[in-house]
C-alpha atoms as a PDB file:
ATOM      1  CA  MET A   1      72.780 150.555 -11.154  1.00  0.00           C
ATOM      2  CA  SER A   2      76.443 150.255 -12.011  1.00  0.00           C
ATOM      3  CA  LYS A   3      78.770 152.223 -14.256  1.00  0.00           C
ATOM      4  CA  GLN A   4      81.811 151.083 -16.161  1.00  0.00           C
ATOM      5  CA  ILE A   5      85.064 152.969 -15.659  1.00  0.00           C
ATOM      6  CA  SER A   6      88.443 152.746 -17.327  1.00  0.00           C
ATOM      7  CA  ALA A   7      91.821 153.174 -15.653  1.00  0.00           C
ATOM      8  CA  TYR A   8      95.480 152.584 -16.393  1.00  0.00           C
ATOM      9  CA  ILE A   9      97.276 150.413 -13.850  1.00  0.00           C
ATOM     10  CA  SER A  10     100.844 149.179 -13.652  1.00  0.00           C
ATOM     11  CA  ASN A  11     101.754 145.741 -14.947  1.00  0.00           C
ATOM     12  CA  GLU A  12     102.635 144.725 -11.385  1.00  0.00           C
ATOM     13  CA  THR A  13      99.220 145.778 -10.062  1.00  0.00           C
ATOM     14  CA  GLN A  14      97.488 143.947 -12.887  1.00  0.00           C
ATOM     15  CA  ALA A  15      99.480 140.785 -12.219  1.00  0.00           C
ATOM     16  CA  ASN A  16      98.706 140.975  -8.483  1.00  0.00           C
ATOM     17  CA  MET A  17      95.024 141.523  -9.180  1.00  0.00           C
ATOM     18  CA  GLU A  18      94.825 138.629 -11.631  1.00  0.00           C
ATOM     19  CA  HIS A  19      96.712 136.327  -9.265  1.00  0.00           C
ATOM     20  CA  TYR A  20      94.369 137.176  -6.387  1.00  0.00           C
ATOM     21  CA  SER A  21      91.320 136.793  -8.626  1.00  0.00           C
ATOM     22  CA  VAL A  22      92.363 133.330  -9.802  1.00  0.00           C
ATOM     23  CA  THR A  23      93.613 132.154  -6.408  1.00  0.00           C
ATOM     24  CA  TYR A  24      90.477 133.109  -4.507  1.00  0.00           C
ATOM     25  CA  GLY A  25      87.913 132.788  -7.299  1.00  0.00           C
ATOM     26  CA  ILE A  26      86.901 136.435  -7.064  1.00  0.00           C
ATOM     27  CA  LYS A  27      85.814 138.351 -10.146  1.00  0.00           C
ATOM     28  CA  LYS A  28      88.121 141.264 -10.944  1.00  0.00           C
ATOM     29  CA  ALA A  29      85.222 143.752 -11.066  1.00  0.00           C
ATOM     30  CA  PHE A  30      84.210 142.732  -7.521  1.00  0.00           C
ATOM     31  CA  LEU A  31      87.819 142.988  -6.316  1.00  0.00           C
ATOM     32  CA  ILE A  32      88.293 146.447  -7.860  1.00  0.00           C
ATOM     33  CA  GLU A  33      85.017 147.828  -6.507  1.00  0.00           C
ATOM     34  CA  ASN A  34      85.722 146.538  -2.991  1.00  0.00           C
ATOM     35  CA  ALA A  35      89.305 147.790  -3.029  1.00  0.00           C
ATOM     36  CA  LEU A  36      88.188 151.232  -4.171  1.00  0.00           C
ATOM     37  CA  ASP A  37      85.382 151.301  -1.601  1.00  0.00           C
ATOM     38  CA  HIS A  38      87.788 150.362   1.234  1.00  0.00           C
ATOM     39  CA  TYR A  39      90.312 152.954   0.069  1.00  0.00           C
ATOM     40  CA  LEU A  40      87.689 155.716  -0.037  1.00  0.00           C
ATOM     41  CA  GLN A  41      86.371 154.726   3.408  1.00  0.00           C
ATOM     42  CA  ALA A  42      89.909 154.982   4.768  1.00  0.00           C
ATOM     43  CA  LEU A  43      90.346 158.433   3.212  1.00  0.00           C
ATOM     44  CA  TYR A  44      87.186 159.611   4.978  1.00  0.00           C
ATOM     45  CA  ALA A  45      88.088 158.003   8.317  1.00  0.00           C
ATOM     46  CA  ILE A  46      91.778 158.911   8.595  1.00  0.00           C
ATOM     47  CA  PRO A  47      92.843 162.547   9.007  1.00  0.00           C
ATOM     48  CA  GLN A  48      94.523 163.859   5.857  1.00  0.00           C
ATOM     49  CA  GLU A  49      97.840 164.557   7.595  1.00  0.00           C
ATOM     50  CA  PHE A  50      98.222 160.823   8.282  1.00  0.00           C
ATOM     51  CA  ILE A  51      97.631 159.719   4.681  1.00  0.00           C
ATOM     52  CA  ILE A  52     100.933 158.690   3.105  1.00  0.00           C
ATOM     53  CA  PRO A  53     101.008 158.192  -0.668  1.00  0.00           C
ATOM     54  CA  SER A  54     101.968 154.679  -1.742  1.00  0.00           C
ATOM     55  CA  LYS A  55     104.319 156.110  -4.357  1.00  0.00           C
ATOM     56  CA  LEU A  56     106.514 159.160  -4.055  1.00  0.00           C
ATOM     57  CA  VAL A  57     107.921 161.126  -6.962  1.00  0.00           C
ATOM     58  CA  LEU A  58     111.189 162.866  -6.183  1.00  0.00           C
ATOM     59  CA  ASN A  59     112.998 165.547  -8.103  1.00  0.00           C
ATOM     60  CA  GLU A  60     116.736 165.112  -8.585  1.00  0.00           C
ATOM     61  CA  GLU A  61     117.670 167.166  -5.518  1.00  0.00           C
ATOM     62  CA  SER A  62     115.264 165.296  -3.240  1.00  0.00           C
ATOM     63  CA  PHE A  63     116.441 161.966  -4.648  1.00  0.00           C
ATOM     64  CA  LYS A  64     120.045 162.831  -3.802  1.00  0.00           C
ATOM     65  CA  THR A  65     119.013 163.856  -0.271  1.00  0.00           C
ATOM     66  CA  VAL A  66     117.142 160.592   0.292  1.00  0.00           C
ATOM     67  CA  MET A  67     119.991 158.506  -1.107  1.00  0.00           C
ATOM     68  CA  ASP A  68     122.484 160.326   1.103  1.00  0.00           C
ATOM     69  CA  MET A  69     120.333 159.622   4.179  1.00  0.00           C
ATOM     70  CA  ILE A  70     120.103 155.932   3.207  1.00  0.00           C
ATOM     71  CA  GLU A  71     123.831 155.617   2.607  1.00  0.00           C
ATOM     72  CA  ASN A  72     124.781 157.783   5.607  1.00  0.00           C
ATOM     73  CA  PRO A  73     121.965 157.479   8.136  1.00  0.00           C
ATOM     74  CA  PRO A  74     121.925 160.076  10.897  1.00  0.00           C
ATOM     75  CA  GLU A  75     122.288 158.979  14.515  1.00  0.00           C
ATOM     76  CA  PRO A  76     118.906 158.264  16.115  1.00  0.00           C
ATOM     77  CA  THR A  77     117.481 161.072  18.203  1.00  0.00           C
ATOM     78  CA  GLU A  78     116.668 160.606  21.877  1.00  0.00           C
ATOM     79  CA  ALA A  79     112.948 160.737  20.997  1.00  0.00           C
ATOM     80  CA  LEU A  80     113.403 157.865  18.541  1.00  0.00           C
ATOM     81  CA  ARG A  81     115.341 155.857  21.110  1.00  0.00           C
ATOM     82  CA  ASP A  82     112.546 156.398  23.664  1.00  0.00           C
ATOM     83  CA  LEU A  83     109.933 155.333  21.146  1.00  0.00           C
ATOM     84  CA  MET A  84     111.818 152.146  20.235  1.00  0.00           C
ATOM     85  CA  ARG A  85     112.178 151.192  23.930  1.00  0.00           C
ATOM     86  CA  ARG A  86     108.394 150.957  24.324  1.00  0.00           C
END
């Protein structure tokens, strides 16, 4: 038995979904159910501390901090250098 749900998605997500649906001949309902199923399986399989949100919302102070780090990146640490050598 199946249930119908309703959700708001961004215009970009809708366009991507419709493009994929048309390109591969997959019904949108099938695509959505499989995507949600895969996402939920990943949430169960991956420890919570390794889950990174796909979108971050920053307050003004955090935004300024991030922008400063982008515009003035700190020197890489020795640990980062070691990791990149591998």
